[in-house]
Amino acid sequence: MLHDDLLVECKIDEGEIPRTAAPAPLPAEPPPKIDVRDPHGINQHLKVDFNDVLAEPSSFHSFDKVWTWSDILFEASKLWCYRIISLLCAVPVSIITGFLFAILGCLHIWCVIPCVKLCTISMPPIRTLWNSILEIIVVPVCVSIGRCCSSIYMTVSKQ
């Protein structure tokens, strides 16, 4: 009898026929790695195709070759204009944003967090002091004013 740890569970989808023959040979080269440059989908709104911009209704049709070449030229001009503009802008923008994020990180690490920690540490004594001031000075004054004003009655009459 086999032990449970030696058994391997294999899931078979319906319609799939299990193979009893030797497995197929592995491909010589692994499939190309997909270069995902927007893994979090930040720029989903920029996915624009030719059909999103230009469309011919059923009552109007240009020549098929004109439509095909328009599609090709649109995609090519969009791609190459983006590449040229990003070539000119990517390096300076990367340097500027890197510098800004470095400044923000440094300020956050060396200024903001220590101030927050300082306030967190110093607040309990300040809260105790403020509570004492309220109980010693403000509460008696407010109670006295309340007692003085509690005997005031107003009547509204129409003349």
C-alpha atoms as a PDB file:
ATOM      1  CA  MET A   1       0.000   0.000   0.000  1.00  0.00           C
ATOM      2  CA  LEU A   2       1.261   3.529  -0.883  1.00  0.00           C
ATOM      3  CA  HIS A   3       1.589   6.283   1.659  1.00  0.00           C
ATOM      4  CA  ASP A   4      -0.491   9.431   1.133  1.00  0.00           C
ATOM      5  CA  ASP A   5       2.579  11.637   0.735  1.00  0.00           C
ATOM      6  CA  LEU A   6       3.660   9.624  -2.327  1.00  0.00           C
ATOM      7  CA  LEU A   7       0.386  10.229  -4.163  1.00  0.00           C
ATOM      8  CA  VAL A   8       0.151  13.249  -6.454  1.00  0.00           C
ATOM      9  CA  GLU A   9      -3.181  14.822  -7.323  1.00  0.00           C
ATOM     10  CA  CYS A  10      -3.662  15.680 -11.000  1.00  0.00           C
ATOM     11  CA  LYS A  11      -6.602  17.819 -12.066  1.00  0.00           C
ATOM     12  CA  ILE A  12      -8.172  16.944 -15.403  1.00  0.00           C
ATOM     13  CA  ASP A  13     -10.575  19.357 -17.106  1.00  0.00           C
ATOM     14  CA  GLU A  14     -13.719  17.963 -18.631  1.00  0.00           C
ATOM     15  CA  GLY A  15     -13.230  17.100 -22.263  1.00  0.00           C
ATOM     16  CA  GLU A  16      -9.490  16.703 -21.827  1.00  0.00           C
ATOM     17  CA  ILE A  17      -8.221  13.248 -22.546  1.00  0.00           C
ATOM     18  CA  PRO A  18      -5.392  12.140 -20.272  1.00  0.00           C
ATOM     19  CA  ARG A  19      -2.244  11.154 -22.115  1.00  0.00           C
ATOM     20  CA  THR A  20      -0.731   7.782 -21.619  1.00  0.00           C
ATOM     21  CA  ALA A  21       1.978   8.233 -24.212  1.00  0.00           C
ATOM     22  CA  ALA A  22       5.269  10.038 -23.703  1.00  0.00           C
ATOM     23  CA  PRO A  23       4.966  13.791 -23.200  1.00  0.00           C
ATOM     24  CA  ALA A  24       5.637  16.105 -26.105  1.00  0.00           C
ATOM     25  CA  PRO A  25       9.228  17.338 -26.357  1.00  0.00           C
ATOM     26  CA  LEU A  26       9.950  20.758 -24.918  1.00  0.00           C
ATOM     27  CA  PRO A  27      10.469  23.584 -27.399  1.00  0.00           C
ATOM     28  CA  ALA A  28      14.087  24.413 -28.166  1.00  0.00           C
ATOM     29  CA  GLU A  29      13.707  28.053 -27.064  1.00  0.00           C
ATOM     30  CA  PRO A  30      11.575  29.386 -24.239  1.00  0.00           C
ATOM     31  CA  PRO A  31       8.760  31.705 -25.296  1.00  0.00           C
ATOM     32  CA  PRO A  32       9.785  35.355 -25.462  1.00  0.00           C
ATOM     33  CA  LYS A  33       9.317  37.282 -22.246  1.00  0.00           C
ATOM     34  CA  ILE A  34       6.594  39.887 -22.480  1.00  0.00           C
ATOM     35  CA  ASP A  35       7.947  43.299 -21.504  1.00  0.00           C
ATOM     36  CA  VAL A  36       5.307  44.691 -19.165  1.00  0.00           C
ATOM     37  CA  ARG A  37       6.021  48.379 -18.681  1.00  0.00           C
ATOM     38  CA  ASP A  38       2.726  49.286 -17.005  1.00  0.00           C
ATOM     39  CA  PRO A  39       2.147  46.424 -14.559  1.00  0.00           C
ATOM     40  CA  HIS A  40      -0.273  48.411 -12.379  1.00  0.00           C
ATOM     41  CA  GLY A  41      -2.357  49.750 -15.276  1.00  0.00           C
ATOM     42  CA  ILE A  42      -1.647  53.401 -14.530  1.00  0.00           C
ATOM     43  CA  ASN A  43      -2.093  54.462 -18.167  1.00  0.00           C
ATOM     44  CA  GLN A  44      -5.101  52.383 -19.241  1.00  0.00           C
ATOM     45  CA  HIS A  45      -6.715  55.506 -20.672  1.00  0.00           C
ATOM     46  CA  LEU A  46      -3.894  55.888 -23.230  1.00  0.00           C
ATOM     47  CA  LYS A  47      -4.544  52.632 -25.060  1.00  0.00           C
ATOM     48  CA  VAL A  48      -5.780  54.166 -28.302  1.00  0.00           C
ATOM     49  CA  ASP A  49      -6.133  52.218 -31.523  1.00  0.00           C
ATOM     50  CA  PHE A  50      -6.962  53.381 -35.015  1.00  0.00           C
ATOM     51  CA  ASN A  51     -10.586  52.239 -34.670  1.00  0.00           C
ATOM     52  CA  ASP A  52     -10.954  54.263 -31.456  1.00  0.00           C
ATOM     53  CA  VAL A  53     -10.091  57.469 -33.306  1.00  0.00           C
ATOM     54  CA  LEU A  54     -11.288  56.993 -36.877  1.00  0.00           C
ATOM     55  CA  ALA A  55     -14.309  55.057 -38.081  1.00  0.00           C
ATOM     56  CA  GLU A  56     -16.353  55.063 -41.248  1.00  0.00           C
ATOM     57  CA  PRO A  57     -20.082  54.570 -40.993  1.00  0.00           C
ATOM     58  CA  SER A  58     -21.741  52.002 -43.206  1.00  0.00           C
ATOM     59  CA  SER A  59     -23.014  54.713 -45.588  1.00  0.00           C
ATOM     60  CA  PHE A  60     -19.485  56.028 -46.307  1.00  0.00           C
ATOM     61  CA  HIS A  61     -16.530  53.882 -47.337  1.00  0.00           C
ATOM     62  CA  SER A  62     -13.209  54.907 -48.781  1.00  0.00           C
ATOM     63  CA  PHE A  63     -11.149  52.579 -50.904  1.00  0.00           C
ATOM     64  CA  ASP A  64      -9.976  49.496 -49.031  1.00  0.00           C
ATOM     65  CA  LYS A  65      -6.323  50.314 -49.669  1.00  0.00           C
ATOM     66  CA  VAL A  66      -6.841  53.878 -48.371  1.00  0.00           C
ATOM     67  CA  TRP A  67      -8.381  52.514 -45.171  1.00  0.00           C
ATOM     68  CA  THR A  68      -5.621  49.926 -44.725  1.00  0.00           C
ATOM     69  CA  TRP A  69      -2.816  52.407 -45.377  1.00  0.00           C
ATOM     70  CA  SER A  70      -4.468  54.967 -43.110  1.00  0.00           C
ATOM     71  CA  ASP A  71      -4.475  52.398 -40.322  1.00  0.00           C
ATOM     72  CA  ILE A  72      -0.823  51.520 -40.935  1.00  0.00           C
ATOM     73  CA  LEU A  73       0.264  55.179 -41.138  1.00  0.00           C
ATOM     74  CA  PHE A  74      -1.718  56.096 -38.004  1.00  0.00           C
ATOM     75  CA  GLU A  75      -0.122  53.324 -35.952  1.00  0.00           C
ATOM     76  CA  ALA A  76       3.366  53.965 -37.348  1.00  0.00           C
ATOM     77  CA  SER A  77       3.211  57.753 -36.863  1.00  0.00           C
ATOM     78  CA  LYS A  78       1.829  57.325 -33.350  1.00  0.00           C
ATOM     79  CA  LEU A  79       4.617  54.883 -32.479  1.00  0.00           C
ATOM     80  CA  TRP A  80       7.502  56.844 -34.021  1.00  0.00           C
ATOM     81  CA  CYS A  81       6.324  60.254 -32.773  1.00  0.00           C
ATOM     82  CA  TYR A  82       6.040  58.808 -29.281  1.00  0.00           C
ATOM     83  CA  ARG A  83       9.511  57.280 -29.551  1.00  0.00           C
ATOM     84  CA  ILE A  84      11.088  60.537 -30.746  1.00  0.00           C
ATOM     85  CA  ILE A  85       9.312  62.677 -28.155  1.00  0.00           C
ATOM     86  CA  SER A  86      10.117  60.208 -25.369  1.00  0.00           C
ATOM     87  CA  LEU A  87      13.754  60.184 -26.518  1.00  0.00           C
ATOM     88  CA  LEU A  88      13.861  63.960 -26.095  1.00  0.00           C
ATOM     89  CA  CYS A  89      11.826  64.110 -22.879  1.00  0.00           C
ATOM     90  CA  ALA A  90      12.439  60.860 -20.998  1.00  0.00           C
ATOM     91  CA  VAL A  91      15.940  61.588 -19.727  1.00  0.00           C
ATOM     92  CA  PRO A  92      15.300  65.139 -18.426  1.00  0.00           C
ATOM     93  CA  VAL A  93      11.935  64.190 -16.927  1.00  0.00           C
ATOM     94  CA  SER A  94      13.483  61.103 -15.302  1.00  0.00           C
ATOM     95  CA  ILE A  95      16.253  63.206 -13.774  1.00  0.00           C
ATOM     96  CA  ILE A  96      13.825  65.875 -12.525  1.00  0.00           C
ATOM     97  CA  THR A  97      11.319  63.402 -11.069  1.00  0.00           C
ATOM     98  CA  GLY A  98      14.107  61.337  -9.530  1.00  0.00           C
ATOM     99  CA  PHE A  99      15.495  64.486  -7.910  1.00  0.00           C
ATOM    100  CA  LEU A 100      12.048  65.507  -6.636  1.00  0.00           C
ATOM    101  CA  PHE A 101      11.296  62.053  -5.221  1.00  0.00           C
ATOM    102  CA  ALA A 102      14.715  62.016  -3.565  1.00  0.00           C
ATOM    103  CA  ILE A 103      13.998  65.393  -1.938  1.00  0.00           C
ATOM    104  CA  LEU A 104      10.533  64.261  -0.838  1.00  0.00           C
ATOM    105  CA  GLY A 105      11.929  61.009   0.538  1.00  0.00           C
ATOM    106  CA  CYS A 106      14.677  62.806   2.407  1.00  0.00           C
ATOM    107  CA  LEU A 107      12.253  65.354   3.870  1.00  0.00           C
ATOM    108  CA  HIS A 108       9.847  62.617   4.861  1.00  0.00           C
ATOM    109  CA  ILE A 109      12.531  60.476   6.498  1.00  0.00           C
ATOM    110  CA  TRP A 110      14.499  63.249   8.214  1.00  0.00           C
ATOM    111  CA  CYS A 111      11.836  65.906   8.940  1.00  0.00           C
ATOM    112  CA  VAL A 112       8.242  64.712   8.826  1.00  0.00           C
ATOM    113  CA  ILE A 113       8.547  61.399  10.678  1.00  0.00           C
ATOM    114  CA  PRO A 114      10.717  62.835  13.496  1.00  0.00           C
ATOM    115  CA  CYS A 115       8.201  65.676  13.958  1.00  0.00           C
ATOM    116  CA  VAL A 116       5.325  63.200  14.062  1.00  0.00           C
ATOM    117  CA  LYS A 117       7.190  61.025  16.568  1.00  0.00           C
ATOM    118  CA  LEU A 118       8.053  64.088  18.660  1.00  0.00           C
ATOM    119  CA  CYS A 119       4.400  65.133  18.747  1.00  0.00           C
ATOM    120  CA  THR A 120       3.312  61.597  19.579  1.00  0.00           C
ATOM    121  CA  ILE A 121       5.775  61.405  22.449  1.00  0.00           C
ATOM    122  CA  SER A 122       5.111  64.916  23.818  1.00  0.00           C
ATOM    123  CA  MET A 123       1.315  64.936  23.494  1.00  0.00           C
ATOM    124  CA  PRO A 124       0.365  62.926  26.641  1.00  0.00           C
ATOM    125  CA  PRO A 125       1.988  65.418  29.054  1.00  0.00           C
ATOM    126  CA  ILE A 126       0.611  68.363  27.074  1.00  0.00           C
ATOM    127  CA  ARG A 127      -2.835  66.756  27.081  1.00  0.00           C
ATOM    128  CA  THR A 128      -2.640  66.284  30.869  1.00  0.00           C
ATOM    129  CA  LEU A 129      -1.586  69.921  31.320  1.00  0.00           C
ATOM    130  CA  TRP A 130      -4.352  71.181  29.012  1.00  0.00           C
ATOM    131  CA  ASN A 131      -6.932  69.028  30.796  1.00  0.00           C
ATOM    132  CA  SER A 132      -5.815  70.484  34.158  1.00  0.00           C
ATOM    133  CA  ILE A 133      -6.056  74.060  32.838  1.00  0.00           C
ATOM    134  CA  LEU A 134      -9.576  73.375  31.565  1.00  0.00           C
ATOM    135  CA  GLU A 135     -10.691  71.824  34.856  1.00  0.00           C
ATOM    136  CA  ILE A 136      -9.112  74.535  37.054  1.00  0.00           C
ATOM    137  CA  ILE A 137      -9.957  77.694  35.068  1.00  0.00           C
ATOM    138  CA  VAL A 138     -12.396  77.212  32.204  1.00  0.00           C
ATOM    139  CA  VAL A 139     -14.893  74.792  33.774  1.00  0.00           C
ATOM    140  CA  PRO A 140     -15.567  76.929  36.913  1.00  0.00           C
ATOM    141  CA  VAL A 141     -15.952  80.079  34.808  1.00  0.00           C
ATOM    142  CA  CYS A 142     -18.392  78.375  32.433  1.00  0.00           C
ATOM    143  CA  VAL A 143     -20.354  76.858  35.326  1.00  0.00           C
ATOM    144  CA  SER A 144     -20.600  80.287  37.022  1.00  0.00           C
ATOM    145  CA  ILE A 145     -21.760  81.988  33.837  1.00  0.00           C
ATOM    146  CA  GLY A 146     -24.256  79.185  33.296  1.00  0.00           C
ATOM    147  CA  ARG A 147     -25.681  79.559  36.801  1.00  0.00           C
ATOM    148  CA  CYS A 148     -25.904  83.340  36.434  1.00  0.00           C
ATOM    149  CA  CYS A 149     -27.668  83.100  33.092  1.00  0.00           C
ATOM    150  CA  SER A 150     -29.970  80.249  34.130  1.00  0.00           C
ATOM    151  CA  SER A 151     -32.254  82.638  36.047  1.00  0.00           C
ATOM    152  CA  ILE A 152     -32.842  84.847  33.003  1.00  0.00           C
ATOM    153  CA  TYR A 153     -36.234  84.327  31.382  1.00  0.00           C
ATOM    154  CA  MET A 154     -37.402  85.900  28.196  1.00  0.00           C
ATOM    155  CA  THR A 155     -40.934  86.533  27.147  1.00  0.00           C
ATOM    156  CA  VAL A 156     -41.879  87.584  23.673  1.00  0.00           C
ATOM    157  CA  SER A 157     -44.915  89.821  23.291  1.00  0.00           C
ATOM    158  CA  LYS A 158     -46.541  91.244  20.274  1.00  0.00           C
ATOM    159  CA  GLN A 159     -47.316  94.981  20.484  1.00  0.00           C
END
